[in-house]
PDB file of N, CA and C in Angstrom:
ATOM      1  N   MET A   1      16.147   5.270  47.495  1.00  0.00           N
ATOM      2  CA  MET A   1      17.028   4.567  46.575  1.00  0.00           C
ATOM      3  C   MET A   1      16.227   4.164  45.340  1.00  0.00           C
ATOM      4  N   ALA A   2      16.839   4.208  44.181  1.00  0.00           N
ATOM      5  CA  ALA A   2      16.191   3.871  42.931  1.00  0.00           C
ATOM      6  C   ALA A   2      15.961   2.365  42.814  1.00  0.00           C
ATOM      7  N   SER A   3      14.954   2.014  42.045  1.00  0.00           N
ATOM      8  CA  SER A   3      14.659   0.606  41.812  1.00  0.00           C
ATOM      9  C   SER A   3      15.705  -0.029  40.915  1.00  0.00           C
ATOM     10  N   ILE A   4      15.885  -1.334  41.108  1.00  0.00           N
ATOM     11  CA  ILE A   4      16.723  -2.127  40.224  1.00  0.00           C
ATOM     12  C   ILE A   4      15.847  -3.209  39.610  1.00  0.00           C
ATOM     13  N   ALA A   5      16.318  -3.786  38.532  1.00  0.00           N
ATOM     14  CA  ALA A   5      15.659  -4.933  37.918  1.00  0.00           C
ATOM     15  C   ALA A   5      16.604  -6.122  38.059  1.00  0.00           C
ATOM     16  N   VAL A   6      16.081  -7.205  38.603  1.00  0.00           N
ATOM     17  CA  VAL A   6      16.873  -8.410  38.833  1.00  0.00           C
ATOM     18  C   VAL A   6      16.134  -9.605  38.251  1.00  0.00           C
ATOM     19  N   SER A   7      16.840 -10.382  37.447  1.00  0.00           N
ATOM     20  CA  SER A   7      16.293 -11.651  36.966  1.00  0.00           C
ATOM     21  C   SER A   7      16.995 -12.765  37.709  1.00  0.00           C
ATOM     22  N   PHE A   8      16.217 -13.756  38.140  1.00  0.00           N
ATOM     23  CA  PHE A   8      16.846 -14.882  38.821  1.00  0.00           C
ATOM     24  C   PHE A   8      16.140 -16.179  38.468  1.00  0.00           C
ATOM     25  N   GLU A   9      16.898 -17.233  38.605  1.00  0.00           N
ATOM     26  CA  GLU A   9      16.419 -18.581  38.304  1.00  0.00           C
ATOM     27  C   GLU A   9      16.839 -19.476  39.455  1.00  0.00           C
ATOM     28  N   VAL A  10      15.899 -20.222  40.010  1.00  0.00           N
ATOM     29  CA  VAL A  10      16.230 -21.191  41.043  1.00  0.00           C
ATOM     30  C   VAL A  10      16.224 -22.587  40.431  1.00  0.00           C
ATOM     31  N   LEU A  11      17.237 -23.352  40.781  1.00  0.00           N
ATOM     32  CA  LEU A  11      17.375 -24.721  40.288  1.00  0.00           C
ATOM     33  C   LEU A  11      17.428 -25.643  41.502  1.00  0.00           C
ATOM     34  N   PRO A  12      16.310 -26.305  41.824  1.00  0.00           N
ATOM     35  CA  PRO A  12      16.282 -27.195  42.985  1.00  0.00           C
ATOM     36  C   PRO A  12      17.201 -28.394  42.766  1.00  0.00           C
ATOM     37  N   GLY A  13      17.977 -28.719  43.769  1.00  0.00           N
ATOM     38  CA  GLY A  13      18.860 -29.877  43.693  1.00  0.00           C
ATOM     39  C   GLY A  13      18.418 -30.957  44.662  1.00  0.00           C
ATOM     40  N   GLY A  14      18.685 -32.206  44.284  1.00  0.00           N
ATOM     41  CA  GLY A  14      18.393 -33.319  45.169  1.00  0.00           C
ATOM     42  C   GLY A  14      16.959 -33.798  45.131  1.00  0.00           C
ATOM     43  N   ILE A  15      16.225 -33.440  44.095  1.00  0.00           N
ATOM     44  CA  ILE A  15      14.840 -33.908  43.946  1.00  0.00           C
ATOM     45  C   ILE A  15      14.779 -34.787  42.698  1.00  0.00           C
ATOM     46  N   ALA A  16      14.422 -36.035  42.876  1.00  0.00           N
ATOM     47  CA  ALA A  16      14.386 -36.967  41.751  1.00  0.00           C
ATOM     48  C   ALA A  16      13.089 -36.855  40.946  1.00  0.00           C
ATOM     49  N   ASP A  17      11.995 -36.589  41.615  1.00  0.00           N
ATOM     50  CA  ASP A  17      10.678 -36.543  40.967  1.00  0.00           C
ATOM     51  C   ASP A  17      10.494 -35.203  40.245  1.00  0.00           C
ATOM     52  N   LYS A  18      10.290 -35.272  38.922  1.00  0.00           N
ATOM     53  CA  LYS A  18      10.168 -34.063  38.114  1.00  0.00           C
ATOM     54  C   LYS A  18       9.018 -33.171  38.585  1.00  0.00           C
ATOM     55  N   SER A  19       7.900 -33.757  38.958  1.00  0.00           N
ATOM     56  CA  SER A  19       6.771 -32.936  39.404  1.00  0.00           C
ATOM     57  C   SER A  19       7.110 -32.216  40.717  1.00  0.00           C
ATOM     58  N   ALA A  20       7.927 -32.842  41.551  1.00  0.00           N
ATOM     59  CA  ALA A  20       8.341 -32.191  42.799  1.00  0.00           C
ATOM     60  C   ALA A  20       9.279 -31.023  42.515  1.00  0.00           C
ATOM     61  N   VAL A  21      10.065 -31.134  41.467  1.00  0.00           N
ATOM     62  CA  VAL A  21      10.931 -30.015  41.060  1.00  0.00           C
ATOM     63  C   VAL A  21      10.067 -28.821  40.686  1.00  0.00           C
ATOM     64  N   TYR A  22       9.023 -29.056  39.893  1.00  0.00           N
ATOM     65  CA  TYR A  22       8.127 -27.971  39.497  1.00  0.00           C
ATOM     66  C   TYR A  22       7.409 -27.375  40.704  1.00  0.00           C
ATOM     67  N   ARG A  23       7.033 -28.197  41.667  1.00  0.00           N
ATOM     68  CA  ARG A  23       6.392 -27.678  42.876  1.00  0.00           C
ATOM     69  C   ARG A  23       7.356 -26.787  43.659  1.00  0.00           C
ATOM     70  N   ALA A  24       8.626 -27.145  43.689  1.00  0.00           N
ATOM     71  CA  ALA A  24       9.624 -26.335  44.384  1.00  0.00           C
ATOM     72  C   ALA A  24       9.799 -24.981  43.696  1.00  0.00           C
ATOM     73  N   VAL A  25       9.840 -24.991  42.371  1.00  0.00           N
ATOM     74  CA  VAL A  25       9.942 -23.735  41.616  1.00  0.00           C
ATOM     75  C   VAL A  25       8.676 -22.907  41.826  1.00  0.00           C
ATOM     76  N   ASP A  26       7.524 -23.570  41.820  1.00  0.00           N
ATOM     77  CA  ASP A  26       6.263 -22.856  42.072  1.00  0.00           C
ATOM     78  C   ASP A  26       6.265 -22.187  43.442  1.00  0.00           C
ATOM     79  N   ALA A  27       6.878 -22.835  44.422  1.00  0.00           N
ATOM     80  CA  ALA A  27       6.969 -22.250  45.762  1.00  0.00           C
ATOM     81  C   ALA A  27       7.780 -20.956  45.731  1.00  0.00           C
ATOM     82  N   ALA A  28       8.870 -20.966  44.961  1.00  0.00           N
ATOM     83  CA  ALA A  28       9.699 -19.759  44.835  1.00  0.00           C
ATOM     84  C   ALA A  28       8.916 -18.641  44.147  1.00  0.00           C
ATOM     85  N   ILE A  29       8.196 -18.988  43.091  1.00  0.00           N
ATOM     86  CA  ILE A  29       7.395 -17.979  42.389  1.00  0.00           C
ATOM     87  C   ILE A  29       6.291 -17.454  43.294  1.00  0.00           C
ATOM     88  N   GLY A  30       5.735 -18.307  44.126  1.00  0.00           N
ATOM     89  CA  GLY A  30       4.714 -17.863  45.079  1.00  0.00           C
ATOM     90  C   GLY A  30       5.226 -16.789  46.021  1.00  0.00           C
ATOM     91  N   VAL A  31       6.469 -16.923  46.444  1.00  0.00           N
ATOM     92  CA  VAL A  31       7.091 -15.905  47.303  1.00  0.00           C
ATOM     93  C   VAL A  31       7.158 -14.572  46.562  1.00  0.00           C
ATOM     94  N   VAL A  32       7.513 -14.621  45.295  1.00  0.00           N
ATOM     95  CA  VAL A  32       7.597 -13.399  44.487  1.00  0.00           C
ATOM     96  C   VAL A  32       6.215 -12.759  44.355  1.00  0.00           C
ATOM     97  N   VAL A  33       5.218 -13.565  44.036  1.00  0.00           N
ATOM     98  CA  VAL A  33       3.855 -13.053  43.870  1.00  0.00           C
ATOM     99  C   VAL A  33       3.378 -12.384  45.153  1.00  0.00           C
ATOM    100  N   GLN A  34       3.618 -13.019  46.290  1.00  0.00           N
ATOM    101  CA  GLN A  34       3.161 -12.488  47.574  1.00  0.00           C
ATOM    102  C   GLN A  34       3.933 -11.250  48.023  1.00  0.00           C
ATOM    103  N   SER A  35       5.081 -11.003  47.424  1.00  0.00           N
ATOM    104  CA  SER A  35       5.910  -9.866  47.839  1.00  0.00           C
ATOM    105  C   SER A  35       5.281  -8.520  47.528  1.00  0.00           C
ATOM    106  N   GLY A  36       4.447  -8.481  46.503  1.00  0.00           N
ATOM    107  CA  GLY A  36       3.858  -7.212  46.087  1.00  0.00           C
ATOM    108  C   GLY A  36       4.757  -6.394  45.176  1.00  0.00           C
ATOM    109  N   LEU A  37       5.982  -6.859  44.931  1.00  0.00           N
ATOM    110  CA  LEU A  37       6.881  -6.150  44.017  1.00  0.00           C
ATOM    111  C   LEU A  37       6.473  -6.432  42.576  1.00  0.00           C
ATOM    112  N   PRO A  38       6.720  -5.486  41.656  1.00  0.00           N
ATOM    113  CA  PRO A  38       6.468  -5.761  40.248  1.00  0.00           C
ATOM    114  C   PRO A  38       7.360  -6.922  39.780  1.00  0.00           C
ATOM    115  N   TYR A  39       6.786  -7.828  38.995  1.00  0.00           N
ATOM    116  CA  TYR A  39       7.548  -8.993  38.535  1.00  0.00           C
ATOM    117  C   TYR A  39       7.019  -9.468  37.191  1.00  0.00           C
ATOM    118  N   LYS A  40       7.810 -10.274  36.539  1.00  0.00           N
ATOM    119  CA  LYS A  40       7.415 -10.924  35.293  1.00  0.00           C
ATOM    120  C   LYS A  40       8.034 -12.319  35.300  1.00  0.00           C
ATOM    121  N   VAL A  41       7.190 -13.328  35.192  1.00  0.00           N
ATOM    122  CA  VAL A  41       7.656 -14.707  35.127  1.00  0.00           C
ATOM    123  C   VAL A  41       7.804 -15.081  33.659  1.00  0.00           C
ATOM    124  N   SER A  42       8.936 -15.669  33.318  1.00  0.00           N
ATOM    125  CA  SER A  42       9.157 -16.171  31.965  1.00  0.00           C
ATOM    126  C   SER A  42       9.556 -17.641  32.072  1.00  0.00           C
ATOM    127  N   PRO A  43       9.683 -18.328  30.958  1.00  0.00           N
ATOM    128  CA  PRO A  43       9.944 -19.770  31.020  1.00  0.00           C
ATOM    129  C   PRO A  43      11.238 -20.170  31.733  1.00  0.00           C
ATOM    130  N   MET A  44      12.230 -19.302  31.749  1.00  0.00           N
ATOM    131  CA  MET A  44      13.528 -19.682  32.300  1.00  0.00           C
ATOM    132  C   MET A  44      13.950 -18.908  33.539  1.00  0.00           C
ATOM    133  N   GLU A  45      13.243 -17.801  33.840  1.00  0.00           N
ATOM    134  CA  GLU A  45      13.632 -16.971  34.973  1.00  0.00           C
ATOM    135  C   GLU A  45      12.486 -16.047  35.339  1.00  0.00           C
ATOM    136  N   THR A  46      12.627 -15.412  36.475  1.00  0.00           N
ATOM    137  CA  THR A  46      11.658 -14.424  36.936  1.00  0.00           C
ATOM    138  C   THR A  46      12.399 -13.111  37.126  1.00  0.00           C
ATOM    139  N   THR A  47      11.791 -12.021  36.658  1.00  0.00           N
ATOM    140  CA  THR A  47      12.379 -10.696  36.819  1.00  0.00           C
ATOM    141  C   THR A  47      11.559  -9.925  37.843  1.00  0.00           C
ATOM    142  N   VAL A  48      12.251  -9.296  38.782  1.00  0.00           N
ATOM    143  CA  VAL A  48      11.621  -8.548  39.860  1.00  0.00           C
ATOM    144  C   VAL A  48      12.211  -7.146  39.870  1.00  0.00           C
ATOM    145  N   GLU A  49      11.372  -6.192  40.240  1.00  0.00           N
ATOM    146  CA  GLU A  49      11.800  -4.799  40.311  1.00  0.00           C
ATOM    147  C   GLU A  49      11.555  -4.271  41.720  1.00  0.00           C
ATOM    148  N   GLY A  50      12.539  -3.573  42.259  1.00  0.00           N
ATOM    149  CA  GLY A  50      12.359  -2.986  43.577  1.00  0.00           C
ATOM    150  C   GLY A  50      13.661  -2.444  44.124  1.00  0.00           C
ATOM    151  N   GLU A  51      13.632  -2.030  45.377  1.00  0.00           N
ATOM    152  CA  GLU A  51      14.821  -1.523  46.054  1.00  0.00           C
ATOM    153  C   GLU A  51      15.807  -2.680  46.217  1.00  0.00           C
ATOM    154  N   TYR A  52      17.074  -2.391  46.055  1.00  0.00           N
ATOM    155  CA  TYR A  52      18.120  -3.424  46.009  1.00  0.00           C
ATOM    156  C   TYR A  52      18.025  -4.418  47.166  1.00  0.00           C
ATOM    157  N   ASP A  53      18.024  -3.929  48.388  1.00  0.00           N
ATOM    158  CA  ASP A  53      18.019  -4.828  49.541  1.00  0.00           C
ATOM    159  C   ASP A  53      16.739  -5.656  49.607  1.00  0.00           C
ATOM    160  N   ALA A  54      15.608  -5.063  49.235  1.00  0.00           N
ATOM    161  CA  ALA A  54      14.336  -5.784  49.257  1.00  0.00           C
ATOM    162  C   ALA A  54      14.328  -6.914  48.231  1.00  0.00           C
ATOM    163  N   VAL A  55      14.876  -6.655  47.054  1.00  0.00           N
ATOM    164  CA  VAL A  55      14.922  -7.692  46.017  1.00  0.00           C
ATOM    165  C   VAL A  55      15.857  -8.824  46.432  1.00  0.00           C
ATOM    166  N   MET A  56      16.999  -8.492  46.992  1.00  0.00           N
ATOM    167  CA  MET A  56      17.930  -9.541  47.414  1.00  0.00           C
ATOM    168  C   MET A  56      17.342 -10.369  48.565  1.00  0.00           C
ATOM    169  N   ALA A  57      16.626  -9.722  49.471  1.00  0.00           N
ATOM    170  CA  ALA A  57      15.956 -10.452  50.549  1.00  0.00           C
ATOM    171  C   ALA A  57      14.878 -11.366  49.979  1.00  0.00           C
ATOM    172  N   LEU A  58      14.186 -10.898  48.962  1.00  0.00           N
ATOM    173  CA  LEU A  58      13.157 -11.713  48.301  1.00  0.00           C
ATOM    174  C   LEU A  58      13.769 -12.960  47.674  1.00  0.00           C
ATOM    175  N   ILE A  59      14.911 -12.816  47.039  1.00  0.00           N
ATOM    176  CA  ILE A  59      15.584 -13.974  46.434  1.00  0.00           C
ATOM    177  C   ILE A  59      15.954 -14.981  47.518  1.00  0.00           C
ATOM    178  N   LYS A  60      16.428 -14.507  48.652  1.00  0.00           N
ATOM    179  CA  LYS A  60      16.736 -15.408  49.773  1.00  0.00           C
ATOM    180  C   LYS A  60      15.484 -16.144  50.238  1.00  0.00           C
ATOM    181  N   GLN A  61      14.368 -15.437  50.324  1.00  0.00           N
ATOM    182  CA  GLN A  61      13.100 -16.066  50.719  1.00  0.00           C
ATOM    183  C   GLN A  61      12.672 -17.116  49.688  1.00  0.00           C
ATOM    184  N   ALA A  62      12.895 -16.822  48.408  1.00  0.00           N
ATOM    185  CA  ALA A  62      12.562 -17.788  47.357  1.00  0.00           C
ATOM    186  C   ALA A  62      13.431 -19.038  47.490  1.00  0.00           C
ATOM    187  N   GLN A  63      14.702 -18.866  47.796  1.00  0.00           N
ATOM    188  CA  GLN A  63      15.582 -20.012  48.010  1.00  0.00           C
ATOM    189  C   GLN A  63      15.094 -20.841  49.203  1.00  0.00           C
ATOM    190  N   ASP A  64      14.732 -20.180  50.280  1.00  0.00           N
ATOM    191  CA  ASP A  64      14.223 -20.878  51.457  1.00  0.00           C
ATOM    192  C   ASP A  64      12.952 -21.659  51.129  1.00  0.00           C
ATOM    193  N   ALA A  65      12.104 -21.097  50.267  1.00  0.00           N
ATOM    194  CA  ALA A  65      10.870 -21.777  49.864  1.00  0.00           C
ATOM    195  C   ALA A  65      11.177 -23.048  49.069  1.00  0.00           C
ATOM    196  N   VAL A  66      12.216 -23.002  48.255  1.00  0.00           N
ATOM    197  CA  VAL A  66      12.619 -24.188  47.481  1.00  0.00           C
ATOM    198  C   VAL A  66      13.088 -25.291  48.435  1.00  0.00           C
ATOM    199  N   ILE A  67      13.871 -24.926  49.429  1.00  0.00           N
ATOM    200  CA  ILE A  67      14.326 -25.904  50.428  1.00  0.00           C
ATOM    201  C   ILE A  67      13.133 -26.467  51.201  1.00  0.00           C
ATOM    202  N   ALA A  68      12.237 -25.589  51.621  1.00  0.00           N
ATOM    203  CA  ALA A  68      11.052 -26.026  52.368  1.00  0.00           C
ATOM    204  C   ALA A  68      10.167 -26.957  51.531  1.00  0.00           C
ATOM    205  N   ALA A  69      10.242 -26.813  50.205  1.00  0.00           N
ATOM    206  CA  ALA A  69       9.445 -27.655  49.306  1.00  0.00           C
ATOM    207  C   ALA A  69      10.108 -29.011  49.043  1.00  0.00           C
ATOM    208  N   GLY A  70      11.272 -29.255  49.652  1.00  0.00           N
ATOM    209  CA  GLY A  70      11.866 -30.584  49.549  1.00  0.00           C
ATOM    210  C   GLY A  70      13.206 -30.688  48.858  1.00  0.00           C
ATOM    211  N   ALA A  71      13.722 -29.584  48.360  1.00  0.00           N
ATOM    212  CA  ALA A  71      15.040 -29.645  47.720  1.00  0.00           C
ATOM    213  C   ALA A  71      16.126 -29.781  48.786  1.00  0.00           C
ATOM    214  N   GLU A  72      17.178 -30.508  48.454  1.00  0.00           N
ATOM    215  CA  GLU A  72      18.319 -30.618  49.357  1.00  0.00           C
ATOM    216  C   GLU A  72      19.203 -29.380  49.289  1.00  0.00           C
ATOM    217  N   ARG A  73      19.189 -28.736  48.135  1.00  0.00           N
ATOM    218  CA  ARG A  73      19.972 -27.519  47.916  1.00  0.00           C
ATOM    219  C   ARG A  73      19.318 -26.752  46.780  1.00  0.00           C
ATOM    220  N   VAL A  74      19.733 -25.505  46.613  1.00  0.00           N
ATOM    221  CA  VAL A  74      19.205 -24.706  45.508  1.00  0.00           C
ATOM    222  C   VAL A  74      20.350 -23.921  44.884  1.00  0.00           C
ATOM    223  N   PHE A  75      20.438 -24.041  43.578  1.00  0.00           N
ATOM    224  CA  PHE A  75      21.405 -23.255  42.804  1.00  0.00           C
ATOM    225  C   PHE A  75      20.622 -22.063  42.259  1.00  0.00           C
ATOM    226  N   THR A  76      21.179 -20.872  42.384  1.00  0.00           N
ATOM    227  CA  THR A  76      20.476 -19.667  41.962  1.00  0.00           C
ATOM    228  C   THR A  76      21.352 -18.857  41.023  1.00  0.00           C
ATOM    229  N   LEU A  77      20.799 -18.549  39.865  1.00  0.00           N
ATOM    230  CA  LEU A  77      21.466 -17.684  38.889  1.00  0.00           C
ATOM    231  C   LEU A  77      20.803 -16.317  38.985  1.00  0.00           C
ATOM    232  N   ILE A  78      21.616 -15.270  39.139  1.00  0.00           N
ATOM    233  CA  ILE A  78      21.083 -13.926  39.345  1.00  0.00           C
ATOM    234  C   ILE A  78      21.738 -12.951  38.361  1.00  0.00           C
ATOM    235  N   LYS A  79      20.876 -12.133  37.728  1.00  0.00           N
ATOM    236  CA  LYS A  79      21.349 -11.048  36.865  1.00  0.00           C
ATOM    237  C   LYS A  79      20.798  -9.745  37.426  1.00  0.00           C
ATOM    238  N   VAL A  80      21.671  -8.785  37.654  1.00  0.00           N
ATOM    239  CA  VAL A  80      21.270  -7.514  38.250  1.00  0.00           C
ATOM    240  C   VAL A  80      21.551  -6.380  37.271  1.00  0.00           C
ATOM    241  N   ASP A  81      20.528  -5.559  37.012  1.00  0.00           N
ATOM    242  CA  ASP A  81      20.731  -4.325  36.271  1.00  0.00           C
ATOM    243  C   ASP A  81      20.706  -3.210  37.298  1.00  0.00           C
ATOM    244  N   TYR A  82      21.886  -2.785  37.703  1.00  0.00           N
ATOM    245  CA  TYR A  82      21.995  -1.709  38.690  1.00  0.00           C
ATOM    246  C   TYR A  82      22.288  -0.405  37.964  1.00  0.00           C
ATOM    247  N   ASN A  83      21.367   0.519  38.076  1.00  0.00           N
ATOM    248  CA  ASN A  83      21.519   1.855  37.527  1.00  0.00           C
ATOM    249  C   ASN A  83      21.180   2.814  38.666  1.00  0.00           C
ATOM    250  N   PRO A  84      22.098   3.664  39.083  1.00  0.00           N
ATOM    251  CA  PRO A  84      21.818   4.561  40.206  1.00  0.00           C
ATOM    252  C   PRO A  84      20.581   5.432  40.000  1.00  0.00           C
ATOM    253  N   HIS A  85      20.158   5.593  38.744  1.00  0.00           N
ATOM    254  CA  HIS A  85      18.989   6.413  38.438  1.00  0.00           C
ATOM    255  C   HIS A  85      17.715   5.573  38.333  1.00  0.00           C
ATOM    256  N   GLY A  86      17.846   4.269  38.470  1.00  0.00           N
ATOM    257  CA  GLY A  86      16.686   3.382  38.426  1.00  0.00           C
ATOM    258  C   GLY A  86      16.669   2.515  37.187  1.00  0.00           C
ATOM    259  N   SER A  87      16.069   1.372  37.335  1.00  0.00           N
ATOM    260  CA  SER A  87      15.928   0.412  36.252  1.00  0.00           C
ATOM    261  C   SER A  87      14.586  -0.292  36.436  1.00  0.00           C
ATOM    262  N   THR A  88      13.799  -0.368  35.371  1.00  0.00           N
ATOM    263  CA  THR A  88      12.480  -0.976  35.495  1.00  0.00           C
ATOM    264  C   THR A  88      12.268  -2.057  34.446  1.00  0.00           C
ATOM    265  N   ILE A  89      11.339  -2.930  34.740  1.00  0.00           N
ATOM    266  CA  ILE A  89      10.942  -3.958  33.781  1.00  0.00           C
ATOM    267  C   ILE A  89      10.311  -3.292  32.565  1.00  0.00           C
ATOM    268  N   ALA A  90       9.454  -2.300  32.803  1.00  0.00           N
ATOM    269  CA  ALA A  90       8.739  -1.623  31.711  1.00  0.00           C
ATOM    270  C   ALA A  90       9.696  -1.004  30.698  1.00  0.00           C
ATOM    271  N   GLU A  91      10.751  -0.355  31.178  1.00  0.00           N
ATOM    272  CA  GLU A  91      11.686   0.286  30.250  1.00  0.00           C
ATOM    273  C   GLU A  91      12.366  -0.740  29.347  1.00  0.00           C
ATOM    274  N   LYS A  92      12.578  -1.931  29.879  1.00  0.00           N
ATOM    275  CA  LYS A  92      13.238  -2.971  29.099  1.00  0.00           C
ATOM    276  C   LYS A  92      12.313  -3.561  28.040  1.00  0.00           C
ATOM    277  N   LEU A  93      11.011  -3.494  28.278  1.00  0.00           N
ATOM    278  CA  LEU A  93      10.048  -4.112  27.370  1.00  0.00           C
ATOM    279  C   LEU A  93       9.290  -3.136  26.496  1.00  0.00           C
ATOM    280  N   GLU A  94       9.426  -1.831  26.748  1.00  0.00           N
ATOM    281  CA  GLU A  94       8.583  -0.858  26.039  1.00  0.00           C
ATOM    282  C   GLU A  94       8.733  -0.917  24.520  1.00  0.00           C
ATOM    283  N   LYS A  95       9.910  -1.150  24.007  1.00  0.00           N
ATOM    284  CA  LYS A  95      10.060  -1.190  22.545  1.00  0.00           C
ATOM    285  C   LYS A  95       9.456  -2.452  21.934  1.00  0.00           C
ATOM    286  N   TYR A  96       9.104  -3.420  22.797  1.00  0.00           N
ATOM    287  CA  TYR A  96       8.471  -4.655  22.332  1.00  0.00           C
ATOM    288  C   TYR A  96       6.967  -4.644  22.590  1.00  0.00           C
ATOM    289  N   GLY A  97       6.436  -3.493  22.950  1.00  0.00           N
ATOM    290  CA  GLY A  97       5.018  -3.384  23.207  1.00  0.00           C
ATOM    291  C   GLY A  97       4.606  -4.012  24.534  1.00  0.00           C
ATOM    292  N   GLY A  98       5.528  -4.098  25.486  1.00  0.00           N
ATOM    293  CA  GLY A  98       5.201  -4.619  26.796  1.00  0.00           C
ATOM    294  C   GLY A  98       5.069  -6.120  26.862  1.00  0.00           C
ATOM    295  N   ARG A  99       5.453  -6.814  25.814  1.00  0.00           N
ATOM    296  CA  ARG A  99       5.318  -8.277  25.804  1.00  0.00           C
ATOM    297  C   ARG A  99       6.471  -8.940  26.498  1.00  0.00           C
TER     298      ARG A  99
END
């Protein structure tokens, strides 16, 4: 199956301490880093590239990490670029010099 590119943002709910919110988000990003899938972290979301089911499972693991880090709930915004022929982070950034 061809790769897809998915951007997602986790928003921890039920955490009053701002630093704890950042730790919860860091936990989600840690799951992405450990996955071995190509990714790019930006200020508002993280983009991951891989097989559809693997990426969706990764997002679930990231949500679980946010809960384990102390959030009562997690709101997740997901954008999927599904192209049956494949979609990559590199193709989206190549005209910008990979930045």
